[in-house]
Amino acid sequence: MNAFERCVVDRDTFFAGQWRKAPAVMRPANPPVDLLTVADVDRLLDSGLLHVPYVEVTHESGAVPRERYCTAREVAGTMAAGYVDAGAVRHLIREEHATLLLRHVDQWVAGVRAFTDELAEHFGRKVEAFCFVTPAGTQGRPVHRDDADVLAVQVSGVKRWKVYSGPADGNWEPGLVAEDPGELLLDSVLRAGEVLYVPRGFAHAAAAAEDASSVHLSFTIREAGTPNLDAVLQALVAADARLPVRPLDEESLVRAASEVIAGARKVLEDLTPEALVHYTRTVMRARSAEPTHTSIAD
């Protein structure tokens, strides 16, 4: 069973009736609750290696100052700040009902990285992973919109989700929703092993049940926006590297300008809108450093 099938029950139903259209709760036969368990989170906290900005602790009202849960260490004779204090994090969760957020888990947990890479192949888009630990009876964030489609996998505990309507047009901003979030489309309690799909931009909020803390993994499926398209187009029509960087006279400068225009015109003549979208998604998916999957001893 591949990564997509571990999240989505029926591919045809999902893309025909839910993708970018409506939130949905799914109950796959083999949900990916084993990718990052509660025990795994505890081990990561106790490892001593966690460091900001991969870790954030928040209240519903906003982020907890880092100095309340981070410490400095002496490493090779130099003081290095930003290491996570596991005891301080647990105190904030238990005593102040703070939420623990592990950012971009796909970048530093091998199993999660492999899973997100497989999801990215199925969706043809960049996929990231975030882990949320929310104390019982706590809402991690107020109603907000994400600039991504989200597959939220309930790993343990119970969480109540409310999902509202999507943006009215393309001129919307991700983040907190101060105004009326719109029509309530889904009000559902998510239990361990269930997966919630939230379309990109649809306002939503979630709160852990009163009697147990909640852990869930969010797989965010990123989509290109107009700025991404523009940046990739600029790169495609960039001047030929063989041209002189600083022409010495007017004639040389005009000749370089002519070649720049000709090159850009050729790119634009051959480029379709569909190809630009494809190139942009490919660029967004590219990683700065791919894992080698080999041993350091090889």
C-alpha atoms as a PDB file:
ATOM      1  CA  MET A   1       0.000   0.000   0.000  1.00  0.00           C
ATOM      2  CA  ASN A   2       1.513   3.318  -1.052  1.00  0.00           C
ATOM      3  CA  ALA A   3       1.549   6.607   0.856  1.00  0.00           C
ATOM      4  CA  PHE A   4      -1.438   8.011  -1.012  1.00  0.00           C
ATOM      5  CA  GLU A   5      -3.570   4.935  -0.272  1.00  0.00           C
ATOM      6  CA  ARG A   6      -2.626   5.123   3.412  1.00  0.00           C
ATOM      7  CA  CYS A   7      -4.290   8.550   3.570  1.00  0.00           C
ATOM      8  CA  VAL A   8      -7.019   8.504   0.924  1.00  0.00           C
ATOM      9  CA  VAL A   9      -9.577   5.691   0.708  1.00  0.00           C
ATOM     10  CA  ASP A  10     -10.732   6.110  -2.896  1.00  0.00           C
ATOM     11  CA  ARG A  11      -8.633   8.051  -5.393  1.00  0.00           C
ATOM     12  CA  ASP A  12     -11.418   8.701  -7.912  1.00  0.00           C
ATOM     13  CA  THR A  13     -13.881   9.894  -5.266  1.00  0.00           C
ATOM     14  CA  PHE A  14     -11.236  12.107  -3.703  1.00  0.00           C
ATOM     15  CA  PHE A  15     -10.209  13.932  -6.866  1.00  0.00           C
ATOM     16  CA  ALA A  16     -13.724  14.127  -8.322  1.00  0.00           C
ATOM     17  CA  GLY A  17     -15.609  15.294  -5.260  1.00  0.00           C
ATOM     18  CA  GLN A  18     -13.229  16.549  -2.574  1.00  0.00           C
ATOM     19  CA  TRP A  19      -9.922  17.848  -3.932  1.00  0.00           C
ATOM     20  CA  ARG A  20     -10.097  21.649  -3.778  1.00  0.00           C
ATOM     21  CA  LYS A  21     -13.866  21.421  -3.284  1.00  0.00           C
ATOM     22  CA  ALA A  22     -14.870  20.114   0.157  1.00  0.00           C
ATOM     23  CA  PRO A  23     -13.410  18.874   3.454  1.00  0.00           C
ATOM     24  CA  ALA A  24     -13.743  15.174   4.208  1.00  0.00           C
ATOM     25  CA  VAL A  25     -12.967  12.633   6.920  1.00  0.00           C
ATOM     26  CA  MET A  26     -11.436   9.405   5.625  1.00  0.00           C
ATOM     27  CA  ARG A  27     -10.800   6.085   7.327  1.00  0.00           C
ATOM     28  CA  PRO A  28      -8.039   4.301   5.417  1.00  0.00           C
ATOM     29  CA  ALA A  29      -7.270   0.652   6.129  1.00  0.00           C
ATOM     30  CA  ASN A  30      -3.623   1.300   7.031  1.00  0.00           C
ATOM     31  CA  PRO A  31      -3.277   4.919   8.192  1.00  0.00           C
ATOM     32  CA  PRO A  32       0.267   6.255   8.698  1.00  0.00           C
ATOM     33  CA  VAL A  33       0.027   6.510  12.487  1.00  0.00           C
ATOM     34  CA  ASP A  34       3.351   4.691  12.829  1.00  0.00           C
ATOM     35  CA  LEU A  35       5.429   7.397  11.145  1.00  0.00           C
ATOM     36  CA  LEU A  36       5.821   9.522  14.273  1.00  0.00           C
ATOM     37  CA  THR A  37       4.291   8.090  17.446  1.00  0.00           C
ATOM     38  CA  VAL A  38       3.953   9.667  20.882  1.00  0.00           C
ATOM     39  CA  ALA A  39       6.929   7.575  21.995  1.00  0.00           C
ATOM     40  CA  ASP A  40       8.917   8.903  19.031  1.00  0.00           C
ATOM     41  CA  VAL A  41       8.134  12.493  20.010  1.00  0.00           C
ATOM     42  CA  ASP A  42       9.247  11.796  23.583  1.00  0.00           C
ATOM     43  CA  ARG A  43      12.500  10.265  22.337  1.00  0.00           C
ATOM     44  CA  LEU A  44      13.137  13.242  20.086  1.00  0.00           C
ATOM     45  CA  LEU A  45      12.538  15.643  22.959  1.00  0.00           C
ATOM     46  CA  ASP A  46      14.924  13.704  25.190  1.00  0.00           C
ATOM     47  CA  SER A  47      17.593  13.288  22.506  1.00  0.00           C
ATOM     48  CA  GLY A  48      19.027  16.716  23.203  1.00  0.00           C
ATOM     49  CA  LEU A  49      19.334  17.462  19.490  1.00  0.00           C
ATOM     50  CA  LEU A  50      16.102  19.388  18.883  1.00  0.00           C
ATOM     51  CA  HIS A  51      16.717  23.002  17.975  1.00  0.00           C
ATOM     52  CA  VAL A  52      14.664  26.004  16.915  1.00  0.00           C
ATOM     53  CA  PRO A  53      13.186  26.775  14.430  1.00  0.00           C
ATOM     54  CA  TYR A  54      12.227  23.120  14.004  1.00  0.00           C
ATOM     55  CA  VAL A  55      10.437  23.377  17.350  1.00  0.00           C
ATOM     56  CA  GLU A  56       7.848  25.944  18.389  1.00  0.00           C
ATOM     57  CA  VAL A  57       5.655  26.131  21.473  1.00  0.00           C
ATOM     58  CA  THR A  58       2.470  28.169  21.237  1.00  0.00           C
ATOM     59  CA  HIS A  59      -0.567  29.258  23.180  1.00  0.00           C
ATOM     60  CA  GLU A  60      -3.816  29.995  21.379  1.00  0.00           C
ATOM     61  CA  SER A  61      -2.937  33.679  21.758  1.00  0.00           C
ATOM     62  CA  GLY A  62       0.452  33.311  20.081  1.00  0.00           C
ATOM     63  CA  ALA A  63       3.969  31.908  20.263  1.00  0.00           C
ATOM     64  CA  VAL A  64       5.676  31.277  23.599  1.00  0.00           C
ATOM     65  CA  PRO A  65       8.991  33.200  23.803  1.00  0.00           C
ATOM     66  CA  ARG A  66      11.844  30.876  22.927  1.00  0.00           C
ATOM     67  CA  GLU A  67      13.802  31.719  26.048  1.00  0.00           C
ATOM     68  CA  ARG A  68      11.113  29.926  28.054  1.00  0.00           C
ATOM     69  CA  TYR A  69      11.874  26.546  26.482  1.00  0.00           C
ATOM     70  CA  CYS A  70      15.325  26.869  24.908  1.00  0.00           C
ATOM     71  CA  THR A  71      18.785  26.897  26.399  1.00  0.00           C
ATOM     72  CA  ALA A  72      22.365  27.513  25.330  1.00  0.00           C
ATOM     73  CA  ARG A  73      25.088  24.874  25.385  1.00  0.00           C
ATOM     74  CA  GLU A  74      28.826  24.893  25.139  1.00  0.00           C
ATOM     75  CA  VAL A  75      29.821  23.018  21.988  1.00  0.00           C
ATOM     76  CA  ALA A  76      33.500  22.810  21.023  1.00  0.00           C
ATOM     77  CA  GLY A  77      34.278  25.744  23.287  1.00  0.00           C
ATOM     78  CA  THR A  78      31.540  27.968  21.854  1.00  0.00           C
ATOM     79  CA  MET A  79      28.169  28.786  23.409  1.00  0.00           C
ATOM     80  CA  ALA A  80      25.380  27.775  21.025  1.00  0.00           C
ATOM     81  CA  ALA A  81      21.818  28.951  21.696  1.00  0.00           C
ATOM     82  CA  GLY A  82      18.456  27.547  20.673  1.00  0.00           C
ATOM     83  CA  TYR A  83      18.575  23.982  21.990  1.00  0.00           C
ATOM     84  CA  VAL A  84      15.221  22.715  23.241  1.00  0.00           C
ATOM     85  CA  ASP A  85      14.864  22.007  26.965  1.00  0.00           C
ATOM     86  CA  ALA A  86      12.621  18.924  27.157  1.00  0.00           C
ATOM     87  CA  GLY A  87      11.628  19.589  30.766  1.00  0.00           C
ATOM     88  CA  ALA A  88      10.591  23.151  29.993  1.00  0.00           C
ATOM     89  CA  VAL A  89       8.515  22.011  27.014  1.00  0.00           C
ATOM     90  CA  ARG A  90       6.705  19.375  29.065  1.00  0.00           C
ATOM     91  CA  HIS A  91       6.027  21.922  31.804  1.00  0.00           C
ATOM     92  CA  LEU A  92       4.485  24.347  29.304  1.00  0.00           C
ATOM     93  CA  ILE A  93       2.299  21.597  27.854  1.00  0.00           C
ATOM     94  CA  ARG A  94       1.099  20.264  31.201  1.00  0.00           C
ATOM     95  CA  GLU A  95       0.838  23.418  33.267  1.00  0.00           C
ATOM     96  CA  GLU A  96       0.006  26.100  30.701  1.00  0.00           C
ATOM     97  CA  HIS A  97      -1.804  23.975  28.103  1.00  0.00           C
ATOM     98  CA  ALA A  98       0.648  25.016  25.402  1.00  0.00           C
ATOM     99  CA  THR A  99       0.827  23.251  22.046  1.00  0.00           C
ATOM    100  CA  LEU A 100       4.072  21.739  20.758  1.00  0.00           C
ATOM    101  CA  LEU A 101       4.719  22.144  17.039  1.00  0.00           C
ATOM    102  CA  LEU A 102       7.473  20.201  15.280  1.00  0.00           C
ATOM    103  CA  ARG A 103       8.151  21.936  11.981  1.00  0.00           C
ATOM    104  CA  HIS A 104       9.203  20.347   8.684  1.00  0.00           C
ATOM    105  CA  VAL A 105       9.514  16.882  10.202  1.00  0.00           C
ATOM    106  CA  ASP A 106      10.090  15.602   6.671  1.00  0.00           C
ATOM    107  CA  GLN A 107      13.501  17.279   6.740  1.00  0.00           C
ATOM    108  CA  TRP A 108      14.854  15.419   9.768  1.00  0.00           C
ATOM    109  CA  VAL A 109      12.901  12.168  10.320  1.00  0.00           C
ATOM    110  CA  ALA A 110      13.812   9.658   7.620  1.00  0.00           C
ATOM    111  CA  GLY A 111      10.538   7.698   7.626  1.00  0.00           C
ATOM    112  CA  VAL A 112       8.462  10.861   7.376  1.00  0.00           C
ATOM    113  CA  ARG A 113      10.692  12.160   4.590  1.00  0.00           C
ATOM    114  CA  ALA A 114      10.205   8.989   2.555  1.00  0.00           C
ATOM    115  CA  PHE A 115       6.438   9.208   3.065  1.00  0.00           C
ATOM    116  CA  THR A 116       6.198  12.861   2.017  1.00  0.00           C
ATOM    117  CA  ASP A 117       8.375  12.197  -1.026  1.00  0.00           C
ATOM    118  CA  GLU A 118       5.956   9.472  -2.091  1.00  0.00           C
ATOM    119  CA  LEU A 119       2.957  11.737  -1.525  1.00  0.00           C
ATOM    120  CA  ALA A 120       4.684  14.427  -3.588  1.00  0.00           C
ATOM    121  CA  GLU A 121       4.996  11.978  -6.477  1.00  0.00           C
ATOM    122  CA  HIS A 122       1.257  11.240  -6.332  1.00  0.00           C
ATOM    123  CA  PHE A 123       0.168  14.872  -6.074  1.00  0.00           C
ATOM    124  CA  GLY A 124       2.858  16.318  -8.341  1.00  0.00           C
ATOM    125  CA  ARG A 125       3.430  19.038  -5.761  1.00  0.00           C
ATOM    126  CA  LYS A 126       5.706  19.838  -2.843  1.00  0.00           C
ATOM    127  CA  VAL A 127       4.626  18.093   0.383  1.00  0.00           C
ATOM    128  CA  GLU A 128       5.808  18.948   3.906  1.00  0.00           C
ATOM    129  CA  ALA A 129       5.028  17.454   7.314  1.00  0.00           C
ATOM    130  CA  PHE A 130       4.290  19.055  10.685  1.00  0.00           C
ATOM    131  CA  CYS A 131       3.516  17.400  14.024  1.00  0.00           C
ATOM    132  CA  PHE A 132       1.191  18.953  16.622  1.00  0.00           C
ATOM    133  CA  VAL A 133       0.935  17.886  20.271  1.00  0.00           C
ATOM    134  CA  THR A 134      -2.102  19.562  21.839  1.00  0.00           C
ATOM    135  CA  PRO A 135      -3.069  19.165  25.526  1.00  0.00           C
ATOM    136  CA  ALA A 136      -6.550  18.001  26.500  1.00  0.00           C
ATOM    137  CA  GLY A 137      -9.248  20.640  26.163  1.00  0.00           C
ATOM    138  CA  THR A 138      -6.979  23.028  24.258  1.00  0.00           C
ATOM    139  CA  GLN A 139      -7.355  24.720  20.888  1.00  0.00           C
ATOM    140  CA  GLY A 140      -3.934  25.039  19.317  1.00  0.00           C
ATOM    141  CA  ARG A 141      -4.671  27.976  17.002  1.00  0.00           C
ATOM    142  CA  PRO A 142      -7.637  30.248  16.356  1.00  0.00           C
ATOM    143  CA  VAL A 143      -9.532  29.929  13.081  1.00  0.00           C
ATOM    144  CA  HIS A 144      -7.043  30.321  10.228  1.00  0.00           C
ATOM    145  CA  ARG A 145      -6.374  29.583   6.569  1.00  0.00           C
ATOM    146  CA  ASP A 146      -3.371  27.623   5.271  1.00  0.00           C
ATOM    147  CA  ASP A 147      -1.704  28.199   1.922  1.00  0.00           C
ATOM    148  CA  ALA A 148      -1.783  24.455   1.268  1.00  0.00           C
ATOM    149  CA  ASP A 149      -4.124  21.517   1.024  1.00  0.00           C
ATOM    150  CA  VAL A 150      -3.852  19.567   4.273  1.00  0.00           C
ATOM    151  CA  LEU A 151      -4.110  15.885   5.122  1.00  0.00           C
ATOM    152  CA  ALA A 152      -4.312  15.719   8.926  1.00  0.00           C
ATOM    153  CA  VAL A 153      -3.594  12.249  10.313  1.00  0.00           C
ATOM    154  CA  GLN A 154      -4.801  11.696  13.870  1.00  0.00           C
ATOM    155  CA  VAL A 155      -1.967   9.739  15.514  1.00  0.00           C
ATOM    156  CA  SER A 156      -3.359   9.527  19.041  1.00  0.00           C
ATOM    157  CA  GLY A 157      -6.104  11.049  21.140  1.00  0.00           C
ATOM    158  CA  VAL A 158      -9.155  12.850  19.810  1.00  0.00           C
ATOM    159  CA  LYS A 159      -9.522  16.238  18.145  1.00  0.00           C
ATOM    160  CA  ARG A 160     -12.601  18.161  17.079  1.00  0.00           C
ATOM    161  CA  TRP A 161     -12.235  19.971  13.789  1.00  0.00           C
ATOM    162  CA  LYS A 162     -14.368  22.724  12.338  1.00  0.00           C
ATOM    163  CA  VAL A 163     -13.860  23.581   8.674  1.00  0.00           C
ATOM    164  CA  TYR A 164     -15.464  26.603   7.052  1.00  0.00           C
ATOM    165  CA  SER A 165     -15.838  27.750   3.460  1.00  0.00           C
ATOM    166  CA  GLY A 166     -12.922  28.689   1.234  1.00  0.00           C
ATOM    167  CA  PRO A 167     -11.797  32.110  -0.019  1.00  0.00           C
ATOM    168  CA  ALA A 168     -14.144  34.111  -2.233  1.00  0.00           C
ATOM    169  CA  ASP A 169     -11.435  34.768  -4.850  1.00  0.00           C
ATOM    170  CA  GLY A 170      -7.717  34.454  -5.473  1.00  0.00           C
ATOM    171  CA  ASN A 171      -6.797  37.587  -3.525  1.00  0.00           C
ATOM    172  CA  TRP A 172      -6.718  35.987  -0.086  1.00  0.00           C
ATOM    173  CA  GLU A 173      -4.044  35.747   2.576  1.00  0.00           C
ATOM    174  CA  PRO A 174      -3.110  32.754   4.738  1.00  0.00           C
ATOM    175  CA  GLY A 175      -3.144  33.208   8.515  1.00  0.00           C
ATOM    176  CA  LEU A 176      -5.654  34.063  11.206  1.00  0.00           C
ATOM    177  CA  VAL A 177      -9.216  34.854  10.156  1.00  0.00           C
ATOM    178  CA  ALA A 178     -10.382  37.953  11.985  1.00  0.00           C
ATOM    179  CA  GLU A 179     -13.698  38.273  10.178  1.00  0.00           C
ATOM    180  CA  ASP A 180     -16.570  35.812   9.771  1.00  0.00           C
ATOM    181  CA  PRO A 181     -14.984  32.566   8.472  1.00  0.00           C
ATOM    182  CA  GLY A 182     -18.060  31.780   6.416  1.00  0.00           C
ATOM    183  CA  GLU A 183     -20.303  28.750   6.264  1.00  0.00           C
ATOM    184  CA  LEU A 184     -19.464  25.839   8.566  1.00  0.00           C
ATOM    185  CA  LEU A 185     -18.928  22.902   6.199  1.00  0.00           C
ATOM    186  CA  LEU A 186     -17.677  20.248   8.604  1.00  0.00           C
ATOM    187  CA  ASP A 187     -17.819  19.751  12.374  1.00  0.00           C
ATOM    188  CA  SER A 188     -16.272  16.389  13.152  1.00  0.00           C
ATOM    189  CA  VAL A 189     -14.351  14.556  15.860  1.00  0.00           C
ATOM    190  CA  LEU A 190     -11.219  12.919  14.503  1.00  0.00           C
ATOM    191  CA  ARG A 191     -10.015   9.752  16.229  1.00  0.00           C
ATOM    192  CA  ALA A 192      -6.730   7.873  15.986  1.00  0.00           C
ATOM    193  CA  GLY A 193      -6.289   6.416  12.517  1.00  0.00           C
ATOM    194  CA  GLU A 194      -8.661   8.822  10.789  1.00  0.00           C
ATOM    195  CA  VAL A 195      -7.549  11.374   8.218  1.00  0.00           C
ATOM    196  CA  LEU A 196      -9.066  14.802   7.581  1.00  0.00           C
ATOM    197  CA  TYR A 197      -8.696  16.578   4.265  1.00  0.00           C
ATOM    198  CA  VAL A 198      -8.869  20.394   4.363  1.00  0.00           C
ATOM    199  CA  PRO A 199      -8.795  22.123   0.949  1.00  0.00           C
ATOM    200  CA  ARG A 200      -6.318  24.934   0.422  1.00  0.00           C
ATOM    201  CA  GLY A 201      -7.492  28.201   1.933  1.00  0.00           C
ATOM    202  CA  PHE A 202     -10.533  26.778   3.727  1.00  0.00           C
ATOM    203  CA  ALA A 203     -10.757  28.323   7.205  1.00  0.00           C
ATOM    204  CA  HIS A 204     -10.450  25.835  10.052  1.00  0.00           C
ATOM    205  CA  ALA A 205      -9.667  25.295  13.731  1.00  0.00           C
ATOM    206  CA  ALA A 206      -9.172  22.241  15.931  1.00  0.00           C
ATOM    207  CA  ALA A 207      -9.317  21.501  19.659  1.00  0.00           C
ATOM    208  CA  ALA A 208      -8.248  18.429  21.622  1.00  0.00           C
ATOM    209  CA  ALA A 209     -10.934  16.562  23.565  1.00  0.00           C
ATOM    210  CA  GLU A 210     -11.386  17.381  27.246  1.00  0.00           C
ATOM    211  CA  ASP A 211     -10.105  14.047  28.535  1.00  0.00           C
ATOM    212  CA  ALA A 212      -6.963  13.358  26.481  1.00  0.00           C
ATOM    213  CA  SER A 213      -4.156  15.105  24.661  1.00  0.00           C
ATOM    214  CA  SER A 214      -3.956  14.918  20.877  1.00  0.00           C
ATOM    215  CA  VAL A 215      -1.111  14.206  18.477  1.00  0.00           C
ATOM    216  CA  HIS A 216      -1.598  14.651  14.756  1.00  0.00           C
ATOM    217  CA  LEU A 217       0.566  14.853  11.667  1.00  0.00           C
ATOM    218  CA  SER A 218      -0.303  17.420   9.025  1.00  0.00           C
ATOM    219  CA  PHE A 219       0.871  16.788   5.492  1.00  0.00           C
ATOM    220  CA  THR A 220       0.737  20.109   3.663  1.00  0.00           C
ATOM    221  CA  ILE A 221       0.472  19.953  -0.125  1.00  0.00           C
ATOM    222  CA  ARG A 222       1.868  23.211  -1.482  1.00  0.00           C
ATOM    223  CA  GLU A 223       0.536  24.833  -4.637  1.00  0.00           C
ATOM    224  CA  ALA A 224       2.160  27.410  -6.855  1.00  0.00           C
ATOM    225  CA  GLY A 225       0.979  31.005  -6.731  1.00  0.00           C
ATOM    226  CA  THR A 226       1.453  33.862  -9.152  1.00  0.00           C
ATOM    227  CA  PRO A 227       4.752  34.973  -7.502  1.00  0.00           C
ATOM    228  CA  ASN A 228       6.127  31.432  -7.953  1.00  0.00           C
ATOM    229  CA  LEU A 229       5.118  31.420 -11.621  1.00  0.00           C
ATOM    230  CA  ASP A 230       6.729  34.814 -12.128  1.00  0.00           C
ATOM    231  CA  ALA A 231       9.989  33.768 -10.444  1.00  0.00           C
ATOM    232  CA  VAL A 232      10.306  30.636 -12.576  1.00  0.00           C
ATOM    233  CA  LEU A 233       9.472  32.563 -15.743  1.00  0.00           C
ATOM    234  CA  GLN A 234      12.162  35.112 -14.892  1.00  0.00           C
ATOM    235  CA  ALA A 235      14.652  32.272 -14.476  1.00  0.00           C
ATOM    236  CA  LEU A 236      13.632  30.707 -17.798  1.00  0.00           C
ATOM    237  CA  VAL A 237      14.121  33.934 -19.743  1.00  0.00           C
ATOM    238  CA  ALA A 238      17.282  34.952 -17.897  1.00  0.00           C
ATOM    239  CA  ALA A 239      20.070  36.232 -20.110  1.00  0.00           C
ATOM    240  CA  ASP A 240      22.477  33.754 -21.672  1.00  0.00           C
ATOM    241  CA  ALA A 241      25.458  33.328 -19.355  1.00  0.00           C
ATOM    242  CA  ARG A 242      27.786  33.573 -22.365  1.00  0.00           C
ATOM    243  CA  LEU A 243      26.898  37.226 -22.915  1.00  0.00           C
ATOM    244  CA  PRO A 244      29.314  39.828 -21.514  1.00  0.00           C
ATOM    245  CA  VAL A 245      28.285  40.918 -18.038  1.00  0.00           C
ATOM    246  CA  ARG A 246      29.400  44.552 -18.496  1.00  0.00           C
ATOM    247  CA  PRO A 247      29.563  45.565 -22.173  1.00  0.00           C
ATOM    248  CA  LEU A 248      32.202  48.246 -22.684  1.00  0.00           C
ATOM    249  CA  ASP A 249      30.464  50.445 -25.258  1.00  0.00           C
ATOM    250  CA  GLU A 250      27.038  51.403 -26.553  1.00  0.00           C
ATOM    251  CA  GLU A 251      27.195  49.104 -29.553  1.00  0.00           C
ATOM    252  CA  SER A 252      28.078  46.086 -27.392  1.00  0.00           C
ATOM    253  CA  LEU A 253      25.331  46.919 -24.914  1.00  0.00           C
ATOM    254  CA  VAL A 254      22.693  47.198 -27.652  1.00  0.00           C
ATOM    255  CA  ARG A 255      23.899  43.936 -29.184  1.00  0.00           C
ATOM    256  CA  ALA A 256      23.601  42.211 -25.789  1.00  0.00           C
ATOM    257  CA  ALA A 257      20.117  43.675 -25.341  1.00  0.00           C
ATOM    258  CA  SER A 258      19.108  42.324 -28.742  1.00  0.00           C
ATOM    259  CA  GLU A 259      20.303  38.834 -27.810  1.00  0.00           C
ATOM    260  CA  VAL A 260      18.522  38.986 -24.444  1.00  0.00           C
ATOM    261  CA  ILE A 261      15.253  39.914 -26.180  1.00  0.00           C
ATOM    262  CA  ALA A 262      15.692  37.220 -28.821  1.00  0.00           C
ATOM    263  CA  GLY A 263      16.381  34.587 -26.173  1.00  0.00           C
ATOM    264  CA  ALA A 264      13.380  35.618 -24.084  1.00  0.00           C
ATOM    265  CA  ARG A 265      11.152  35.672 -27.177  1.00  0.00           C
ATOM    266  CA  LYS A 266      12.238  32.126 -28.092  1.00  0.00           C
ATOM    267  CA  VAL A 267      11.479  30.861 -24.581  1.00  0.00           C
ATOM    268  CA  LEU A 268       8.060  32.528 -24.566  1.00  0.00           C
ATOM    269  CA  GLU A 269       7.178  31.206 -28.031  1.00  0.00           C
ATOM    270  CA  ASP A 270       7.832  27.628 -26.920  1.00  0.00           C
ATOM    271  CA  LEU A 271       6.339  27.921 -23.427  1.00  0.00           C
ATOM    272  CA  THR A 272       2.726  26.965 -22.720  1.00  0.00           C
ATOM    273  CA  PRO A 273       0.821  27.942 -19.548  1.00  0.00           C
ATOM    274  CA  GLU A 274       0.601  24.264 -18.609  1.00  0.00           C
ATOM    275  CA  ALA A 275       4.361  23.855 -18.983  1.00  0.00           C
ATOM    276  CA  LEU A 276       5.044  26.902 -16.803  1.00  0.00           C
ATOM    277  CA  VAL A 277       2.812  25.485 -14.053  1.00  0.00           C
ATOM    278  CA  HIS A 278       4.591  22.122 -14.337  1.00  0.00           C
ATOM    279  CA  TYR A 279       8.068  23.694 -14.194  1.00  0.00           C
ATOM    280  CA  THR A 280       7.060  25.791 -11.201  1.00  0.00           C
ATOM    281  CA  ARG A 281       5.746  22.812  -9.250  1.00  0.00           C
ATOM    282  CA  THR A 282       8.931  20.924 -10.078  1.00  0.00           C
ATOM    283  CA  VAL A 283      11.104  23.775  -8.816  1.00  0.00           C
ATOM    284  CA  MET A 284       9.076  23.995  -5.606  1.00  0.00           C
ATOM    285  CA  ARG A 285       9.543  20.271  -5.000  1.00  0.00           C
ATOM    286  CA  ALA A 286      13.302  20.366  -5.484  1.00  0.00           C
ATOM    287  CA  ARG A 287      15.243  19.889  -2.261  1.00  0.00           C
ATOM    288  CA  SER A 288      18.375  21.795  -1.401  1.00  0.00           C
ATOM    289  CA  ALA A 289      20.048  18.536  -0.333  1.00  0.00           C
ATOM    290  CA  GLU A 290      18.711  15.115  -1.207  1.00  0.00           C
ATOM    291  CA  PRO A 291      19.462  12.244   1.203  1.00  0.00           C
ATOM    292  CA  THR A 292      21.978   9.778  -0.199  1.00  0.00           C
ATOM    293  CA  HIS A 293      20.441   6.646   1.381  1.00  0.00           C
ATOM    294  CA  THR A 294      23.942   5.230   1.912  1.00  0.00           C
ATOM    295  CA  SER A 295      25.930   4.614   5.052  1.00  0.00           C
ATOM    296  CA  ILE A 296      28.613   7.083   6.111  1.00  0.00           C
ATOM    297  CA  ALA A 297      30.888   4.027   6.341  1.00  0.00           C
ATOM    298  CA  ASP A 298      30.378   3.006   2.693  1.00  0.00           C
END
